């Protein structure tokens, strides 16, 4: 199993098909700007990364990315958090007006976790988001050491 932490930027000009596959077939399509607060839906509250979270949460200011096709369409992808549709349109300079926008997901073909979190100067001020970061590190580390974890990997 691959255990990687990387930046996920790619677009229609990416010449790394392996990288697109690693991300679950997702290719960067657009973003909103500037970083804004948003409501997120927790798709899977049983996964170790999202355990102990409410069904929805308010994120701190962040830059949100939309992918085409949606990673949700890949059978190997498990989406853990999604941008709530009530946020649309989102953005002031660059705006996303609609679409499925997964925020956190895993790809069962690899031991990986994608998180659309980390932009903005208030990113570590949110208790729930910090819990997601902590859970993610523990889940990835436990899986790497061979401990059994609940959830796809």
N, C-alpha and C. Protein backbone atom coordinates (compact mmCIF):
# COMPACT_ATOMS: atom_id res chain seq x y z
N UNK A 1 0.83 -1.19 0.00
CA UNK A 1 0.00 0.00 0.00
C UNK A 1 0.87 1.25 0.00
N UNK A 2 0.44 2.24 -0.75
CA UNK A 2 1.13 3.51 -0.79
C UNK A 2 0.65 4.38 0.36
N UNK A 3 1.55 5.05 1.04
CA UNK A 3 1.20 5.96 2.11
C UNK A 3 1.82 7.30 1.77
N UNK A 4 1.05 8.16 1.11
CA UNK A 4 1.61 9.39 0.60
C UNK A 4 0.85 10.61 1.10
N UNK A 5 1.54 11.68 1.24
CA UNK A 5 0.94 12.98 1.50
C UNK A 5 1.44 13.92 0.42
N UNK A 6 0.53 14.47 -0.35
CA UNK A 6 0.94 15.28 -1.50
C UNK A 6 -0.04 16.41 -1.72
N UNK A 7 0.38 17.36 -2.50
CA UNK A 7 -0.54 18.35 -3.04
C UNK A 7 -1.29 17.65 -4.16
N UNK A 8 -2.55 17.96 -4.33
CA UNK A 8 -3.37 17.21 -5.28
C UNK A 8 -3.62 17.94 -6.59
N UNK A 9 -2.96 19.06 -6.83
CA UNK A 9 -3.29 19.81 -8.04
C UNK A 9 -2.97 19.00 -9.29
N UNK A 10 -3.94 18.96 -10.17
CA UNK A 10 -3.78 18.44 -11.52
C UNK A 10 -4.90 19.08 -12.34
N UNK A 11 -4.75 19.09 -13.65
CA UNK A 11 -5.81 19.64 -14.50
C UNK A 11 -5.84 18.85 -15.81
N UNK A 12 -6.58 19.36 -16.80
CA UNK A 12 -6.73 18.62 -18.05
C UNK A 12 -5.42 18.46 -18.81
N UNK A 13 -4.38 19.20 -18.41
CA UNK A 13 -3.08 19.10 -19.07
C UNK A 13 -2.11 18.19 -18.32
N UNK A 14 -2.56 17.57 -17.24
CA UNK A 14 -1.70 16.70 -16.45
C UNK A 14 -1.24 15.51 -17.28
N UNK A 15 0.06 15.27 -17.26
CA UNK A 15 0.62 14.14 -18.00
C UNK A 15 1.01 13.01 -17.05
N UNK A 16 0.33 12.95 -15.94
CA UNK A 16 0.57 11.91 -14.94
C UNK A 16 -0.71 11.14 -14.70
N UNK A 17 -1.07 10.23 -15.59
CA UNK A 17 -2.32 9.47 -15.39
C UNK A 17 -2.33 8.69 -14.08
N UNK A 18 -1.18 8.24 -13.61
CA UNK A 18 -1.09 7.52 -12.34
C UNK A 18 -1.54 8.42 -11.19
N UNK A 19 -1.24 9.73 -11.28
CA UNK A 19 -1.61 10.66 -10.23
C UNK A 19 -3.11 10.92 -10.22
N UNK A 20 -3.69 11.04 -11.40
CA UNK A 20 -5.14 11.20 -11.51
C UNK A 20 -5.83 9.95 -10.95
N UNK A 21 -5.30 8.77 -11.27
CA UNK A 21 -5.85 7.52 -10.74
C UNK A 21 -5.73 7.48 -9.21
N UNK A 22 -4.60 7.93 -8.67
CA UNK A 22 -4.39 7.99 -7.23
C UNK A 22 -5.48 8.82 -6.55
N UNK A 23 -5.87 9.92 -7.19
CA UNK A 23 -6.91 10.79 -6.65
C UNK A 23 -8.32 10.28 -6.93
N UNK A 24 -8.44 9.12 -7.52
CA UNK A 24 -9.76 8.54 -7.78
C UNK A 24 -10.34 8.99 -9.10
N UNK A 25 -9.49 9.42 -10.03
CA UNK A 25 -9.96 9.86 -11.34
C UNK A 25 -10.34 11.32 -11.40
N UNK A 26 -10.17 12.02 -10.30
CA UNK A 26 -10.58 13.42 -10.21
C UNK A 26 -9.53 14.34 -10.83
N UNK A 27 -10.01 15.29 -11.63
CA UNK A 27 -9.16 16.31 -12.24
C UNK A 27 -9.70 17.67 -11.80
N UNK A 28 -8.79 18.55 -11.36
CA UNK A 28 -9.17 19.89 -10.92
C UNK A 28 -9.94 20.60 -12.03
N UNK A 29 -11.10 21.15 -11.68
CA UNK A 29 -11.94 21.84 -12.65
C UNK A 29 -12.07 23.33 -12.34
N UNK A 30 -12.11 23.68 -11.07
CA UNK A 30 -12.25 25.09 -10.72
C UNK A 30 -12.22 25.30 -9.23
N UNK A 31 -12.15 26.55 -8.85
CA UNK A 31 -12.12 26.90 -7.43
C UNK A 31 -12.86 28.21 -7.21
N UNK A 32 -13.12 28.49 -5.94
CA UNK A 32 -13.69 29.79 -5.59
C UNK A 32 -12.59 30.59 -4.89
N UNK A 33 -12.76 31.91 -4.88
CA UNK A 33 -11.80 32.78 -4.21
C UNK A 33 -12.52 34.02 -3.73
N UNK A 34 -12.19 34.54 -2.63
CA UNK A 34 -11.16 34.19 -1.65
C UNK A 34 -11.65 33.08 -0.73
N UNK A 35 -10.76 32.59 0.17
CA UNK A 35 -11.19 31.57 1.13
C UNK A 35 -12.42 32.03 1.90
N UNK A 36 -13.41 31.14 1.99
CA UNK A 36 -14.66 31.45 2.68
C UNK A 36 -15.07 30.30 3.59
N UNK A 37 -15.80 30.63 4.63
CA UNK A 37 -16.40 29.65 5.53
C UNK A 37 -17.49 28.91 4.77
N UNK A 38 -17.70 27.65 5.10
CA UNK A 38 -18.74 26.86 4.42
C UNK A 38 -19.30 25.80 5.36
N UNK A 39 -20.51 25.40 5.06
CA UNK A 39 -21.14 24.29 5.78
C UNK A 39 -20.79 23.01 5.06
N UNK A 40 -20.37 21.98 5.83
CA UNK A 40 -20.00 20.69 5.27
C UNK A 40 -20.91 19.60 5.79
N UNK A 41 -21.18 18.62 4.96
CA UNK A 41 -21.97 17.45 5.34
C UNK A 41 -21.00 16.30 5.58
N UNK A 42 -21.17 15.60 6.68
CA UNK A 42 -20.36 14.42 6.97
C UNK A 42 -21.08 13.23 6.34
N UNK A 43 -20.52 12.70 5.26
CA UNK A 43 -21.13 11.60 4.52
C UNK A 43 -21.03 10.28 5.27
N UNK A 44 -19.94 10.07 5.99
CA UNK A 44 -19.74 8.80 6.69
C UNK A 44 -19.22 9.10 8.10
N UNK A 45 -20.12 9.05 9.07
CA UNK A 45 -19.76 9.36 10.45
C UNK A 45 -19.15 8.16 11.17
N UNK A 46 -19.10 7.00 10.52
CA UNK A 46 -18.52 5.81 11.14
C UNK A 46 -17.04 5.63 10.81
N UNK A 47 -16.55 6.33 9.80
CA UNK A 47 -15.14 6.18 9.41
C UNK A 47 -14.25 6.77 10.50
N UNK A 48 -13.09 6.18 10.74
CA UNK A 48 -12.20 6.70 11.79
C UNK A 48 -11.80 8.17 11.62
N UNK A 49 -11.76 8.66 10.40
CA UNK A 49 -11.38 10.07 10.18
C UNK A 49 -12.50 11.02 10.60
N UNK A 50 -13.74 10.57 10.50
CA UNK A 50 -14.88 11.45 10.78
C UNK A 50 -15.65 11.06 12.04
N UNK A 51 -15.12 10.12 12.79
CA UNK A 51 -15.82 9.69 14.01
C UNK A 51 -15.96 10.86 14.98
N UNK A 52 -17.02 10.84 15.74
CA UNK A 52 -17.34 11.85 16.76
C UNK A 52 -17.72 13.21 16.17
N UNK A 53 -17.98 13.27 14.87
CA UNK A 53 -18.43 14.52 14.27
C UNK A 53 -19.95 14.52 14.17
N UNK A 54 -20.52 15.70 14.22
CA UNK A 54 -21.95 15.85 13.98
C UNK A 54 -22.24 15.59 12.49
N UNK A 55 -23.49 15.54 12.12
CA UNK A 55 -23.87 15.29 10.73
C UNK A 55 -23.44 16.43 9.80
N UNK A 56 -23.34 17.64 10.33
CA UNK A 56 -22.85 18.78 9.56
C UNK A 56 -21.88 19.56 10.44
N UNK A 57 -21.03 20.34 9.79
CA UNK A 57 -20.14 21.21 10.54
C UNK A 57 -19.85 22.45 9.73
N UNK A 58 -19.42 23.49 10.41
CA UNK A 58 -19.05 24.75 9.76
C UNK A 58 -17.53 24.80 9.71
N UNK A 59 -16.98 24.91 8.51
CA UNK A 59 -15.53 24.95 8.37
C UNK A 59 -15.05 26.39 8.53
N UNK A 60 -13.78 26.56 8.85
CA UNK A 60 -13.20 27.91 8.82
C UNK A 60 -13.03 28.33 7.36
N UNK A 61 -12.60 29.56 7.15
CA UNK A 61 -12.35 30.05 5.79
C UNK A 61 -11.41 29.10 5.07
N UNK A 62 -11.76 28.74 3.84
CA UNK A 62 -10.96 27.81 3.05
C UNK A 62 -11.22 28.09 1.58
N UNK A 63 -10.28 27.71 0.73
CA UNK A 63 -10.48 27.78 -0.71
C UNK A 63 -11.04 26.43 -1.14
N UNK A 64 -12.17 26.43 -1.84
CA UNK A 64 -12.85 25.18 -2.20
C UNK A 64 -12.61 24.85 -3.65
N UNK A 65 -12.33 23.55 -3.92
CA UNK A 65 -12.03 23.05 -5.26
C UNK A 65 -13.13 22.13 -5.74
N UNK A 66 -13.43 22.22 -7.02
CA UNK A 66 -14.38 21.30 -7.63
C UNK A 66 -13.62 20.45 -8.65
N UNK A 67 -13.99 19.18 -8.73
CA UNK A 67 -13.30 18.20 -9.55
C UNK A 67 -14.25 17.63 -10.59
N UNK A 68 -13.71 17.31 -11.78
CA UNK A 68 -14.48 16.66 -12.84
C UNK A 68 -13.69 15.46 -13.34
N UNK A 69 -14.26 14.30 -13.40
CA UNK A 69 -15.55 13.98 -12.82
C UNK A 69 -15.47 13.98 -11.30
N UNK A 70 -16.61 14.02 -10.67
CA UNK A 70 -16.63 13.95 -9.22
C UNK A 70 -15.98 12.64 -8.78
N UNK A 71 -15.08 12.71 -7.80
CA UNK A 71 -14.47 11.46 -7.31
C UNK A 71 -15.51 10.47 -6.79
N UNK A 72 -16.68 10.97 -6.40
CA UNK A 72 -17.75 10.12 -5.88
C UNK A 72 -18.18 9.05 -6.91
N UNK A 73 -17.97 9.32 -8.18
CA UNK A 73 -18.38 8.39 -9.23
C UNK A 73 -17.45 7.18 -9.35
N UNK A 74 -16.29 7.23 -8.70
CA UNK A 74 -15.33 6.12 -8.74
C UNK A 74 -15.70 5.11 -7.66
N UNK A 75 -15.85 3.85 -8.04
CA UNK A 75 -16.27 2.80 -7.09
C UNK A 75 -15.25 2.59 -5.97
N UNK A 76 -14.00 2.99 -6.17
CA UNK A 76 -12.97 2.82 -5.15
C UNK A 76 -12.88 3.99 -4.18
N UNK A 77 -13.62 5.05 -4.44
CA UNK A 77 -13.57 6.25 -3.61
C UNK A 77 -14.69 6.22 -2.57
N UNK A 78 -14.34 6.56 -1.36
CA UNK A 78 -15.30 6.72 -0.27
C UNK A 78 -15.24 8.19 0.16
N UNK A 79 -16.29 8.93 -0.13
CA UNK A 79 -16.35 10.34 0.25
C UNK A 79 -16.75 10.43 1.72
N UNK A 80 -16.00 11.21 2.48
CA UNK A 80 -16.26 11.37 3.91
C UNK A 80 -16.93 12.68 4.25
N UNK A 81 -16.59 13.76 3.54
CA UNK A 81 -17.22 15.07 3.75
C UNK A 81 -17.48 15.73 2.41
N UNK A 82 -18.58 16.47 2.32
CA UNK A 82 -18.99 17.15 1.09
C UNK A 82 -19.42 18.57 1.42
N UNK A 83 -19.15 19.49 0.50
CA UNK A 83 -19.66 20.85 0.63
C UNK A 83 -21.18 20.81 0.50
N UNK A 84 -21.87 21.38 1.48
CA UNK A 84 -23.34 21.42 1.47
C UNK A 84 -23.80 22.30 0.30
N UNK A 85 -24.80 21.83 -0.43
CA UNK A 85 -25.33 22.59 -1.57
C UNK A 85 -25.87 23.95 -1.17
N UNK A 86 -26.23 24.13 0.09
CA UNK A 86 -26.75 25.43 0.54
C UNK A 86 -25.69 26.53 0.46
N UNK A 87 -24.42 26.18 0.27
CA UNK A 87 -23.35 27.18 0.15
C UNK A 87 -23.35 27.89 -1.20
N UNK A 88 -23.97 27.28 -2.22
CA UNK A 88 -23.90 27.85 -3.57
C UNK A 88 -24.81 29.06 -3.75
N UNK A 89 -24.34 30.04 -4.52
CA UNK A 89 -23.00 30.17 -5.09
C UNK A 89 -22.00 30.54 -3.99
N UNK A 90 -20.75 30.08 -4.16
CA UNK A 90 -19.70 30.39 -3.18
C UNK A 90 -18.52 31.01 -3.91
N UNK A 91 -18.01 32.10 -3.35
CA UNK A 91 -16.89 32.82 -3.92
C UNK A 91 -17.26 34.26 -4.17
N UNK A 92 -16.25 35.11 -4.18
CA UNK A 92 -16.47 36.53 -4.45
C UNK A 92 -15.81 36.94 -5.76
N UNK A 93 -14.52 36.62 -5.92
CA UNK A 93 -13.80 36.92 -7.16
C UNK A 93 -14.01 35.79 -8.16
N UNK A 94 -13.71 34.57 -7.74
CA UNK A 94 -13.98 33.36 -8.52
C UNK A 94 -15.10 32.63 -7.80
N UNK A 95 -16.11 32.20 -8.54
CA UNK A 95 -17.31 31.64 -7.93
C UNK A 95 -17.61 30.25 -8.48
N UNK A 96 -18.01 29.35 -7.57
CA UNK A 96 -18.55 28.06 -7.96
C UNK A 96 -20.05 28.16 -7.72
N UNK A 97 -20.84 27.86 -8.74
CA UNK A 97 -22.28 28.05 -8.63
C UNK A 97 -23.06 26.76 -8.37
N UNK A 98 -22.46 25.60 -8.66
CA UNK A 98 -23.17 24.33 -8.45
C UNK A 98 -22.19 23.18 -8.59
N UNK A 99 -22.68 22.00 -8.30
CA UNK A 99 -21.90 20.79 -8.51
C UNK A 99 -21.62 20.02 -7.24
N UNK A 100 -21.28 18.76 -7.42
CA UNK A 100 -20.89 17.88 -6.33
C UNK A 100 -19.46 18.23 -5.95
N UNK A 101 -19.24 18.63 -4.70
CA UNK A 101 -17.92 19.05 -4.27
C UNK A 101 -17.48 18.26 -3.04
N UNK A 102 -16.97 17.02 -3.25
CA UNK A 102 -16.40 16.28 -2.12
C UNK A 102 -15.21 17.04 -1.56
N UNK A 103 -15.07 17.01 -0.24
CA UNK A 103 -14.03 17.76 0.46
C UNK A 103 -12.97 16.82 1.04
N UNK A 104 -13.38 15.66 1.52
CA UNK A 104 -12.46 14.66 2.08
C UNK A 104 -12.87 13.30 1.53
N UNK A 105 -11.88 12.55 1.02
CA UNK A 105 -12.18 11.20 0.54
C UNK A 105 -10.96 10.29 0.65
N UNK A 106 -11.25 8.99 0.59
CA UNK A 106 -10.22 7.96 0.52
C UNK A 106 -10.35 7.25 -0.81
N UNK A 107 -9.27 6.58 -1.22
CA UNK A 107 -9.27 5.76 -2.43
C UNK A 107 -8.81 4.38 -2.00
N UNK A 108 -9.68 3.39 -2.09
CA UNK A 108 -9.40 2.04 -1.60
C UNK A 108 -8.27 1.35 -2.36
N UNK A 109 -7.92 1.83 -3.54
CA UNK A 109 -6.81 1.23 -4.28
C UNK A 109 -5.46 1.60 -3.67
N UNK A 110 -5.46 2.63 -2.85
CA UNK A 110 -4.24 3.11 -2.20
C UNK A 110 -4.61 3.44 -0.76
N UNK A 111 -3.64 3.50 0.09
CA UNK A 111 -3.93 3.95 1.45
C UNK A 111 -3.69 5.45 1.46
N UNK A 112 -4.72 6.19 1.10
CA UNK A 112 -4.58 7.63 0.95
C UNK A 112 -5.81 8.33 1.48
N UNK A 113 -5.63 9.60 1.76
CA UNK A 113 -6.73 10.46 2.19
C UNK A 113 -6.51 11.81 1.55
N UNK A 114 -7.51 12.28 0.80
CA UNK A 114 -7.47 13.63 0.24
C UNK A 114 -8.29 14.53 1.14
N UNK A 115 -7.75 15.71 1.45
CA UNK A 115 -8.47 16.69 2.27
C UNK A 115 -8.37 18.05 1.59
N UNK A 116 -9.50 18.62 1.23
CA UNK A 116 -9.55 19.98 0.67
C UNK A 116 -9.63 20.94 1.87
N UNK A 117 -8.58 20.97 2.64
CA UNK A 117 -8.51 21.81 3.83
C UNK A 117 -7.09 22.29 3.96
N UNK A 118 -6.92 23.54 4.35
CA UNK A 118 -5.58 24.03 4.58
C UNK A 118 -5.29 25.39 3.99
N UNK A 119 -6.25 25.99 3.30
CA UNK A 119 -6.05 27.34 2.77
C UNK A 119 -6.73 28.34 3.68
N UNK A 120 -6.12 29.44 3.87
CA UNK A 120 -6.71 30.49 4.70
C UNK A 120 -5.95 30.64 6.00
N UNK A 121 -5.97 31.83 6.55
CA UNK A 121 -5.18 32.10 7.76
C UNK A 121 -5.89 31.70 9.05
N UNK A 122 -7.11 31.19 8.96
CA UNK A 122 -7.85 30.76 10.15
C UNK A 122 -8.08 29.25 10.16
N UNK A 123 -7.32 28.54 9.37
CA UNK A 123 -7.59 27.13 9.12
C UNK A 123 -7.48 26.26 10.37
N UNK A 124 -6.62 26.61 11.31
CA UNK A 124 -6.45 25.76 12.50
C UNK A 124 -7.21 26.29 13.71
N UNK A 125 -8.18 27.15 13.49
CA UNK A 125 -8.95 27.73 14.59
C UNK A 125 -10.26 27.00 14.85
N UNK A 126 -10.55 25.97 14.07
CA UNK A 126 -11.81 25.26 14.15
C UNK A 126 -11.63 23.92 14.85
N UNK A 127 -12.32 23.72 15.96
CA UNK A 127 -12.17 22.51 16.77
C UNK A 127 -12.51 21.24 15.98
N UNK A 128 -13.62 21.26 15.23
CA UNK A 128 -14.03 20.07 14.48
C UNK A 128 -13.02 19.74 13.38
N UNK A 129 -12.54 20.75 12.69
CA UNK A 129 -11.59 20.49 11.63
C UNK A 129 -10.27 19.98 12.21
N UNK A 130 -9.84 20.52 13.34
CA UNK A 130 -8.63 20.01 14.00
C UNK A 130 -8.81 18.56 14.40
N UNK A 131 -10.03 18.18 14.80
CA UNK A 131 -10.32 16.78 15.14
C UNK A 131 -10.19 15.89 13.92
N UNK A 132 -10.63 16.39 12.76
CA UNK A 132 -10.49 15.63 11.51
C UNK A 132 -9.01 15.40 11.21
N UNK A 133 -8.19 16.45 11.35
CA UNK A 133 -6.75 16.31 11.11
C UNK A 133 -6.14 15.27 12.05
N UNK A 134 -6.48 15.36 13.32
CA UNK A 134 -5.95 14.41 14.30
C UNK A 134 -6.39 12.99 13.97
N UNK A 135 -7.68 12.81 13.69
CA UNK A 135 -8.19 11.48 13.34
C UNK A 135 -7.50 10.94 12.10
N UNK A 136 -7.26 11.81 11.12
CA UNK A 136 -6.62 11.38 9.87
C UNK A 136 -5.21 10.86 10.13
N UNK A 137 -4.45 11.58 10.92
CA UNK A 137 -3.08 11.15 11.23
C UNK A 137 -3.09 9.82 11.97
N UNK A 138 -4.00 9.69 12.94
CA UNK A 138 -4.09 8.45 13.70
C UNK A 138 -4.52 7.29 12.82
N UNK A 139 -5.50 7.51 11.94
CA UNK A 139 -5.97 6.45 11.05
C UNK A 139 -4.86 6.02 10.09
N UNK A 140 -4.20 6.97 9.46
CA UNK A 140 -3.12 6.64 8.52
C UNK A 140 -1.97 5.94 9.25
N UNK A 141 -1.62 6.43 10.43
CA UNK A 141 -0.54 5.83 11.20
C UNK A 141 -0.89 4.44 11.70
N UNK A 142 -2.11 4.25 12.19
CA UNK A 142 -2.53 2.94 12.69
C UNK A 142 -2.56 1.94 11.55
N UNK A 143 -3.05 2.34 10.39
CA UNK A 143 -3.09 1.45 9.25
C UNK A 143 -1.69 1.10 8.76
N UNK A 144 -0.79 2.07 8.85
CA UNK A 144 0.59 1.84 8.41
C UNK A 144 1.29 0.85 9.33
N UNK A 145 0.93 0.84 10.61
CA UNK A 145 1.59 -0.06 11.55
C UNK A 145 0.94 -1.45 11.57
N UNK A 146 -0.11 -1.64 10.77
CA UNK A 146 -0.75 -2.94 10.70
C UNK A 146 -1.93 -3.12 11.63
N UNK A 147 -2.26 -2.11 12.44
CA UNK A 147 -3.44 -2.22 13.30
C UNK A 147 -4.67 -2.24 12.44
N UNK A 148 -5.68 -2.97 12.89
CA UNK A 148 -6.95 -3.03 12.16
C UNK A 148 -7.71 -1.74 12.42
N UNK A 149 -8.25 -1.16 11.34
CA UNK A 149 -9.07 0.04 11.45
C UNK A 149 -10.36 -0.17 10.71
N UNK A 150 -11.38 0.51 11.14
CA UNK A 150 -12.69 0.44 10.50
C UNK A 150 -12.70 1.45 9.37
N UNK A 151 -13.23 1.08 8.24
CA UNK A 151 -13.31 1.99 7.11
C UNK A 151 -12.45 1.45 5.97
N UNK A 152 -12.76 1.90 4.77
CA UNK A 152 -12.01 1.45 3.59
C UNK A 152 -10.58 1.94 3.66
N UNK A 153 -9.68 1.15 3.22
CA UNK A 153 -8.30 1.59 3.01
C UNK A 153 -7.65 0.70 1.98
